[in-house]
């Protein structure tokens, strides 16, 4: 199996499990960010993969974000290169055609939380802590944090976390909409895999179309996106999955998706 810097890849059925593996805190490097983008593109090309689950190795850290030592010299060229790598990695993750689930198994700080924000769904273990503390060290979240967080939690809580540096625990994260589910310690991955199995029962072609439309609602006025929604519905009639899905329902059997 192909290797990716500081990432472990495993597949179970139609689900890819990506484990962040740069101990002790699974910080991101230029190489691991490039590897994540490459990995997600490879999964996009694998028609047998319907879902992606990302988690951290061990019981303490999901990811602590970037290693601040990279920015200690104040080198703008390094800062620009890292910002570009972060953007490419997490935008590629966000655009993954299937369902992406973050199994937050511990601390998710800075670029670690931004990685989770780039996923479709977030499941946090009850001991997890989440924050975007960049402004406290003279920086800002440059990997989607200032844009993705307000969509989930609203402007007020986004400002509390980003402008005031407020760290939230799992229970608070659930209450404000930052995560969709809180589970006991050590169970986030299994919970995410069960959800991925549910996603695999859906038509992959339909999931990809629906996901694009849901995310498109952020940037498009309702009167513009509604006609597109109707067109994407009709476009599905060009897929094998549409024929298989309707046929299986009428024949009272489970569908066999072809992802195309």
Protein backbone atom coordinates (compact mmCIF):
# COMPACT_ATOMS: atom_id res chain seq x y z
CA UNK A 1 0.00 0.00 0.00
CA UNK A 2 1.21 3.52 -0.82
CA UNK A 3 2.67 5.44 2.12
CA UNK A 4 1.87 9.02 3.13
CA UNK A 5 4.04 11.16 5.40
CA UNK A 6 2.83 11.09 9.04
CA UNK A 7 -0.46 9.47 8.01
CA UNK A 8 -1.59 5.87 8.35
CA UNK A 9 -4.18 4.60 5.89
CA UNK A 10 -6.43 1.59 6.43
CA UNK A 11 -9.55 0.54 4.57
CA UNK A 12 -12.52 -1.33 6.00
CA UNK A 13 -15.14 -2.12 3.42
CA UNK A 14 -16.03 1.13 1.68
CA UNK A 15 -14.45 3.30 4.39
CA UNK A 16 -10.91 4.71 4.50
CA UNK A 17 -9.45 5.34 7.97
CA UNK A 18 -6.78 8.05 8.06
CA UNK A 19 -4.82 8.21 11.32
CA UNK A 20 -2.69 11.27 12.08
CA UNK A 21 0.67 9.94 13.21
CA UNK A 22 3.31 12.53 14.07
CA UNK A 23 3.88 11.99 17.81
CA UNK A 24 3.59 13.30 20.36
CA UNK A 25 0.94 15.86 19.31
CA UNK A 26 0.40 14.99 15.62
CA UNK A 27 1.43 18.45 14.47
CA UNK A 28 1.23 19.25 10.77
CA UNK A 29 4.29 19.70 8.61
CA UNK A 30 4.62 20.86 5.01
CA UNK A 31 5.18 17.24 3.98
CA UNK A 32 2.23 15.81 5.92
CA UNK A 33 -0.12 18.50 4.58
CA UNK A 34 0.97 17.70 1.04
CA UNK A 35 0.52 14.01 1.83
CA UNK A 36 -3.04 14.59 3.08
CA UNK A 37 -4.01 16.37 -0.13
CA UNK A 38 -2.48 13.57 -2.18
CA UNK A 39 -4.17 10.89 -0.06
CA UNK A 40 -7.62 12.46 -0.42
CA UNK A 41 -7.16 12.80 -4.18
CA UNK A 42 -6.19 9.11 -4.32
CA UNK A 43 -9.33 8.19 -2.36
CA UNK A 44 -11.43 10.31 -4.71
CA UNK A 45 -10.08 8.22 -7.58
CA UNK A 46 -10.91 4.94 -5.80
CA UNK A 47 -14.54 4.26 -6.71
CA UNK A 48 -14.77 1.62 -3.97
CA UNK A 49 -14.32 4.23 -1.21
CA UNK A 50 -17.51 5.96 -0.05
CA UNK A 51 -16.43 7.47 3.29
CA UNK A 52 -13.33 8.78 5.04
CA UNK A 53 -12.75 8.79 8.80
CA UNK A 54 -9.85 10.82 10.20
CA UNK A 55 -8.56 10.51 13.76
CA UNK A 56 -5.39 10.88 15.82
CA UNK A 57 -3.15 8.07 17.02
CA UNK A 58 -3.35 7.40 20.75
CA UNK A 59 -5.67 8.76 23.42
CA UNK A 60 -4.49 12.34 24.00
CA UNK A 61 -4.24 14.24 20.72
CA UNK A 62 -6.30 14.51 17.58
CA UNK A 63 -3.86 17.17 16.39
CA UNK A 64 -2.24 20.20 18.01
CA UNK A 65 -2.00 22.01 14.66
CA UNK A 66 1.19 23.52 13.29
CA UNK A 67 4.55 23.38 15.06
CA UNK A 68 5.16 27.00 16.10
CA UNK A 69 8.91 26.49 15.79
CA UNK A 70 8.37 26.87 12.04
CA UNK A 71 7.42 30.51 12.59
CA UNK A 72 9.94 31.46 15.27
CA UNK A 73 12.25 33.27 12.79
CA UNK A 74 9.47 35.40 11.34
CA UNK A 75 10.21 34.17 7.82
CA UNK A 76 7.33 35.31 5.60
CA UNK A 77 8.28 32.90 2.82
CA UNK A 78 7.88 29.96 5.20
CA UNK A 79 4.61 31.41 6.50
CA UNK A 80 3.25 31.83 2.97
CA UNK A 81 4.30 28.32 1.96
CA UNK A 82 2.74 26.74 5.04
CA UNK A 83 -0.49 28.73 4.64
CA UNK A 84 -0.71 27.52 1.05
CA UNK A 85 -0.11 23.90 2.11
CA UNK A 86 -2.75 24.15 4.84
CA UNK A 87 -5.23 25.62 2.42
CA UNK A 88 -4.63 23.02 -0.26
CA UNK A 89 -4.82 20.11 2.20
CA UNK A 90 -8.03 21.09 3.98
CA UNK A 91 -9.80 22.42 0.89
CA UNK A 92 -9.07 19.08 -0.80
CA UNK A 93 -10.42 17.29 2.28
CA UNK A 94 -13.55 19.45 2.25
CA UNK A 95 -14.10 18.67 -1.43
CA UNK A 96 -13.81 14.88 -0.95
CA UNK A 97 -16.74 13.42 -2.92
CA UNK A 98 -17.80 11.05 -0.13
CA UNK A 99 -18.69 11.53 3.53
CA UNK A 100 -15.82 12.68 5.76
CA UNK A 101 -16.00 12.21 9.52
CA UNK A 102 -13.59 13.55 12.13
CA UNK A 103 -13.25 11.23 15.14
CA UNK A 104 -11.83 13.75 17.63
CA UNK A 105 -10.06 11.60 20.19
CA UNK A 106 -8.36 14.33 22.21
CA UNK A 107 -6.94 17.82 21.86
CA UNK A 108 -7.83 19.50 18.55
CA UNK A 109 -6.03 22.82 18.49
CA UNK A 110 -5.42 25.35 15.74
CA UNK A 111 -4.78 23.52 12.49
CA UNK A 112 -5.94 20.34 14.18
CA UNK A 113 -9.40 21.77 14.75
CA UNK A 114 -9.37 23.28 11.25
CA UNK A 115 -8.81 19.78 9.88
CA UNK A 116 -11.93 18.62 11.74
CA UNK A 117 -13.83 21.68 10.50
CA UNK A 118 -13.03 20.64 6.93
CA UNK A 119 -14.87 17.35 7.50
CA UNK A 120 -18.60 16.86 7.00
CA UNK A 121 -19.30 15.51 10.49
CA UNK A 122 -17.45 15.69 13.82
CA UNK A 123 -17.66 13.17 16.66
CA UNK A 124 -15.78 14.06 19.85
CA UNK A 125 -14.79 11.94 22.80
CA UNK A 126 -15.96 13.33 26.14
CA UNK A 127 -12.44 14.36 27.24
CA UNK A 128 -11.66 16.26 24.01
CA UNK A 129 -10.69 19.93 24.07
CA UNK A 130 -10.98 22.26 21.06
CA UNK A 131 -9.58 25.73 20.38
CA UNK A 132 -8.29 28.14 17.77
CA UNK A 133 -5.61 29.88 19.87
CA UNK A 134 -3.61 31.50 17.06
CA UNK A 135 -4.33 35.12 18.00
CA UNK A 136 -2.72 34.46 21.37
CA UNK A 137 0.66 34.03 19.66
CA UNK A 138 0.26 36.84 17.13
CA UNK A 139 -1.15 34.71 14.32
CA UNK A 140 -4.58 33.80 12.95
CA UNK A 141 -6.32 30.60 11.80
CA UNK A 142 -5.38 30.50 8.10
CA UNK A 143 -6.68 27.04 7.17
CA UNK A 144 -10.37 27.87 7.02
CA UNK A 145 -10.96 28.52 10.70
CA UNK A 146 -12.26 32.08 10.40
CA UNK A 147 -14.67 30.97 7.66
CA UNK A 148 -15.79 27.45 8.61
CA UNK A 149 -16.25 27.97 12.35
CA UNK A 150 -18.91 30.74 12.08
CA UNK A 151 -20.98 28.56 9.73
CA UNK A 152 -21.18 25.90 12.42
CA UNK A 153 -21.42 27.84 15.67
CA UNK A 154 -22.50 31.35 14.66
CA UNK A 155 -20.55 34.59 14.77
CA UNK A 156 -20.73 35.04 18.53
CA UNK A 157 -19.13 31.74 19.51
CA UNK A 158 -16.66 31.99 16.64
CA UNK A 159 -15.54 35.33 18.04
CA UNK A 160 -15.30 33.92 21.56
CA UNK A 161 -13.06 31.12 20.34
CA UNK A 162 -10.96 33.11 17.87
CA UNK A 163 -10.86 36.63 19.31
CA UNK A 164 -10.91 35.69 23.00
CA UNK A 165 -9.04 32.40 22.68
CA UNK A 166 -11.76 30.45 24.48
CA UNK A 167 -11.16 26.72 24.65
CA UNK A 168 -14.25 24.51 24.65
CA UNK A 169 -14.76 21.03 26.02
CA UNK A 170 -16.73 18.34 24.23
CA UNK A 171 -20.01 19.09 26.00
CA UNK A 172 -19.81 22.78 25.09
CA UNK A 173 -18.79 21.91 21.55
CA UNK A 174 -21.93 19.78 21.22
CA UNK A 175 -24.14 22.49 22.70
CA UNK A 176 -22.93 25.16 20.26
CA UNK A 177 -22.95 22.90 17.18
CA UNK A 178 -19.21 22.51 16.76
CA UNK A 179 -19.55 18.72 16.95
CA UNK A 180 -22.60 16.59 16.22
CA UNK A 181 -22.03 13.90 18.84
CA UNK A 182 -20.10 13.30 22.07
CA UNK A 183 -19.13 9.74 22.96
CA UNK A 184 -17.19 8.05 25.78
CA UNK A 185 -13.41 8.11 25.71
CA UNK A 186 -11.98 5.57 23.33
CA UNK A 187 -15.13 5.14 21.22
CA UNK A 188 -15.03 7.96 18.66
CA UNK A 189 -13.47 5.84 15.93
CA UNK A 190 -15.96 2.99 16.31
CA UNK A 191 -18.84 5.47 16.36
CA UNK A 192 -17.52 7.16 13.23
CA UNK A 193 -17.14 3.81 11.47
CA UNK A 194 -20.75 2.91 12.24
CA UNK A 195 -21.86 6.23 10.77
CA UNK A 196 -19.68 5.59 7.72
CA UNK A 197 -21.43 2.24 7.29
CA UNK A 198 -24.75 4.08 7.26
CA UNK A 199 -23.38 6.43 4.59
CA UNK A 200 -22.29 3.44 2.51
CA UNK A 201 -25.94 2.38 2.25
CA UNK A 202 -26.64 5.59 0.35
CA UNK A 203 -25.97 5.98 -3.35
CA UNK A 204 -22.40 7.36 -3.66
CA UNK A 205 -23.48 9.36 -6.71
CA UNK A 206 -26.35 10.92 -4.77
CA UNK A 207 -24.13 11.63 -1.77
CA UNK A 208 -21.58 13.47 -3.92
CA UNK A 209 -24.30 15.57 -5.56
CA UNK A 210 -26.04 16.35 -2.26
CA UNK A 211 -22.78 17.28 -0.55
CA UNK A 212 -21.86 19.72 -3.30
CA UNK A 213 -25.29 21.34 -3.07
CA UNK A 214 -25.19 21.62 0.73
CA UNK A 215 -21.77 23.24 0.64
CA UNK A 216 -22.83 25.41 -2.27
CA UNK A 217 -25.47 27.00 -0.06
CA UNK A 218 -22.69 28.91 1.70
CA UNK A 219 -21.70 30.86 -1.39
CA UNK A 220 -24.86 31.02 -3.49
CA UNK A 221 -28.15 32.87 -2.92
CA UNK A 222 -31.17 30.60 -2.54
CA UNK A 223 -32.74 31.73 -5.81
CA UNK A 224 -29.59 30.68 -7.66
CA UNK A 225 -28.93 27.34 -6.00
CA UNK A 226 -32.50 25.99 -6.13
CA UNK A 227 -32.52 25.66 -9.96
CA UNK A 228 -29.12 23.94 -9.72
CA UNK A 229 -30.57 21.49 -7.18
CA UNK A 230 -33.27 20.53 -9.66
CA UNK A 231 -30.73 20.08 -12.46
CA UNK A 232 -28.53 17.86 -10.30
CA UNK A 233 -31.61 15.74 -9.56
CA UNK A 234 -32.16 15.21 -13.27
CA UNK A 235 -28.42 14.59 -13.83
CA UNK A 236 -28.60 11.58 -11.51
CA UNK A 237 -30.70 9.81 -14.14
CA UNK A 238 -27.49 9.48 -16.16
CA UNK A 239 -25.95 7.32 -13.43
CA UNK A 240 -26.06 3.57 -12.91
CA UNK A 241 -26.73 4.19 -9.22
CA UNK A 242 -30.08 5.83 -9.93
CA UNK A 243 -31.26 2.86 -11.97
CA UNK A 244 -29.92 0.41 -9.39
CA UNK A 245 -31.43 2.27 -6.45
CA UNK A 246 -34.94 2.51 -7.83
CA UNK A 247 -34.79 -1.03 -9.22
CA UNK A 248 -33.60 -2.48 -5.91
CA UNK A 249 -36.35 -0.69 -3.99
CA UNK A 250 -39.07 -1.98 -6.32
CA UNK A 251 -37.59 -5.49 -6.21
CA UNK A 252 -37.33 -5.35 -2.39
CA UNK A 253 -33.59 -6.05 -2.26
CA UNK A 254 -30.47 -4.22 -1.14
CA UNK A 255 -28.89 -2.06 -3.85
CA UNK A 256 -25.42 -2.80 -5.17
CA UNK A 257 -23.87 0.59 -5.78
CA UNK A 258 -21.43 1.18 -8.62
CA UNK A 259 -20.46 4.73 -7.68
CA UNK A 260 -21.14 6.01 -11.14
